[in-house]
Amino acid sequence: MLKIGTHNSGTGEKSSGLLSWLVVPFSKCQSKTLVEQYKAGCRYFDIRVKEYKGKLYLAHGLWRSKYDIYKILREFFGYVNDKVYLMVTYEGQGHIDELNQFYEWLKWDYPCVVVTS
């Protein structure tokens, strides 16, 4: 069975702040949100995350999502009715405690997800 995936899947979400808006032409790989990609048949999602002010956000270079990863994925998983695969890349520096908490949240709240990193 053919499975469809996207690169930098989270870049279809809304941007945060002026800097993110300015780098959109260089950072956005997707024009559709995660939900729209899922509805179009995508089951493999390449998401990049970065810590900002104690929360994790979707990111790609200087681009950052308007909403934190938890808000975006709660909405996304409201539409998911079969197995999806997330390839998670941490784009931040330093401590990754937030990323470990994120993995635990996914594992317990969304067992339909296969996470790789």
Protein backbone atom coordinates (compact mmCIF):
# COMPACT_ATOMS: atom_id res chain seq x y z
CA MET A 1 0.00 0.00 0.00
CA LEU A 2 1.28 3.45 -0.95
CA LYS A 3 1.80 5.89 1.93
CA ILE A 4 2.09 9.62 1.30
CA GLY A 5 4.39 11.85 3.33
CA THR A 6 5.39 15.49 3.37
CA HIS A 7 8.62 17.33 4.15
CA ASN A 8 8.54 20.03 6.87
CA SER A 9 4.87 19.19 7.28
CA GLY A 10 4.20 21.77 9.99
CA THR A 11 5.09 24.77 7.84
CA GLY A 12 1.54 24.89 6.51
CA GLU A 13 0.36 26.16 9.89
CA LYS A 14 -0.04 29.87 10.74
CA SER A 15 3.16 31.83 11.39
CA SER A 16 4.06 33.72 14.55
CA GLY A 17 5.43 37.24 14.54
CA LEU A 18 7.07 39.51 12.01
CA LEU A 19 10.28 37.50 11.64
CA SER A 20 8.36 34.31 10.85
CA TRP A 21 6.26 36.20 8.33
CA LEU A 22 9.37 37.66 6.66
CA VAL A 23 11.04 34.27 6.19
CA VAL A 24 7.92 32.49 4.87
CA PRO A 25 9.20 32.50 1.25
CA PHE A 26 12.37 30.71 2.39
CA SER A 27 10.99 28.44 5.12
CA LYS A 28 7.53 27.24 4.13
CA CYS A 29 7.49 23.90 2.35
CA GLN A 30 3.75 23.26 2.69
CA SER A 31 0.74 25.39 1.92
CA LYS A 32 -1.73 23.11 3.73
CA THR A 33 -2.17 22.60 7.47
CA LEU A 34 -1.55 19.18 9.04
CA VAL A 35 -5.30 18.51 9.02
CA GLU A 36 -5.57 19.43 5.33
CA GLN A 37 -2.59 17.21 4.51
CA TYR A 38 -4.17 14.32 6.42
CA LYS A 39 -7.49 14.78 4.63
CA ALA A 40 -5.56 14.72 1.32
CA GLY A 41 -4.16 11.28 2.22
CA CYS A 42 -0.86 12.05 3.94
CA ARG A 43 0.10 9.61 6.72
CA TYR A 44 3.83 10.43 7.19
CA PHE A 45 4.58 13.83 8.68
CA ASP A 46 8.03 15.37 9.03
CA ILE A 47 7.71 17.88 11.85
CA ARG A 48 10.43 20.12 13.23
CA VAL A 49 10.08 21.55 16.72
CA LYS A 50 11.87 24.26 18.65
CA GLU A 51 11.54 25.49 22.22
CA TYR A 52 10.49 29.11 22.65
CA LYS A 53 9.68 30.64 26.04
CA GLY A 54 9.28 27.22 27.65
CA LYS A 55 6.94 25.75 25.02
CA LEU A 56 7.50 23.68 21.89
CA TYR A 57 6.46 25.11 18.54
CA LEU A 58 6.60 23.82 15.00
CA ALA A 59 9.65 25.39 13.37
CA HIS A 60 11.83 25.51 10.31
CA GLY A 61 14.86 27.76 10.56
CA LEU A 62 13.65 31.20 11.65
CA TRP A 63 10.00 30.32 10.97
CA ARG A 64 7.82 29.39 13.97
CA SER A 65 4.18 28.40 14.23
CA LYS A 66 1.69 30.75 15.84
CA TYR A 67 0.39 28.06 18.22
CA ASP A 68 2.35 25.60 20.34
CA ILE A 69 2.71 21.99 19.21
CA TYR A 70 0.14 20.70 21.70
CA LYS A 71 -2.65 22.98 20.47
CA ILE A 72 -1.92 22.13 16.83
CA LEU A 73 -1.69 18.37 17.40
CA ARG A 74 -4.82 18.21 19.57
CA GLU A 75 -6.76 19.67 16.65
CA PHE A 76 -4.97 17.37 14.21
CA PHE A 77 -5.64 14.20 16.21
CA GLY A 78 -9.33 15.09 16.32
CA TYR A 79 -9.39 14.10 12.63
CA VAL A 80 -7.07 11.08 12.73
CA ASN A 81 -8.83 7.74 12.52
CA ASP A 82 -5.95 5.47 11.51
CA LYS A 83 -2.22 5.12 12.11
CA VAL A 84 -0.01 8.11 11.34
CA TYR A 85 3.77 8.45 11.47
CA LEU A 86 5.59 11.47 12.85
CA MET A 87 9.26 12.05 12.16
CA VAL A 88 10.23 14.57 14.83
CA THR A 89 13.36 16.70 14.55
CA TYR A 90 14.42 19.05 17.33
CA GLU A 91 15.76 22.31 15.86
CA GLY A 92 16.55 23.88 19.21
CA GLN A 93 19.72 23.99 21.21
CA GLY A 94 20.58 22.94 24.74
CA HIS A 95 18.19 21.08 27.02
CA ILE A 96 15.56 18.89 25.44
CA ASP A 97 13.40 18.22 28.51
CA GLU A 98 10.41 19.69 26.66
CA LEU A 99 10.98 17.23 23.81
CA ASN A 100 11.04 14.25 26.19
CA GLN A 101 7.78 15.45 27.77
CA PHE A 102 6.32 15.82 24.27
CA TYR A 103 7.23 12.19 23.44
CA GLU A 104 5.60 10.97 26.65
CA TRP A 105 2.45 12.97 25.90
CA LEU A 106 2.22 11.45 22.41
CA LYS A 107 2.84 7.93 23.66
CA TRP A 108 0.12 8.03 26.33
CA ASP A 109 -2.51 10.25 24.71
CA TYR A 110 -2.20 9.14 21.08
CA PRO A 111 -1.25 5.47 20.71
CA CYS A 112 -2.19 5.61 16.99
CA VAL A 113 1.01 7.57 16.38
CA VAL A 114 4.36 6.03 15.52
CA VAL A 115 7.13 8.49 16.44
CA THR A 116 10.64 8.36 15.07
CA SER A 117 13.46 10.80 15.60
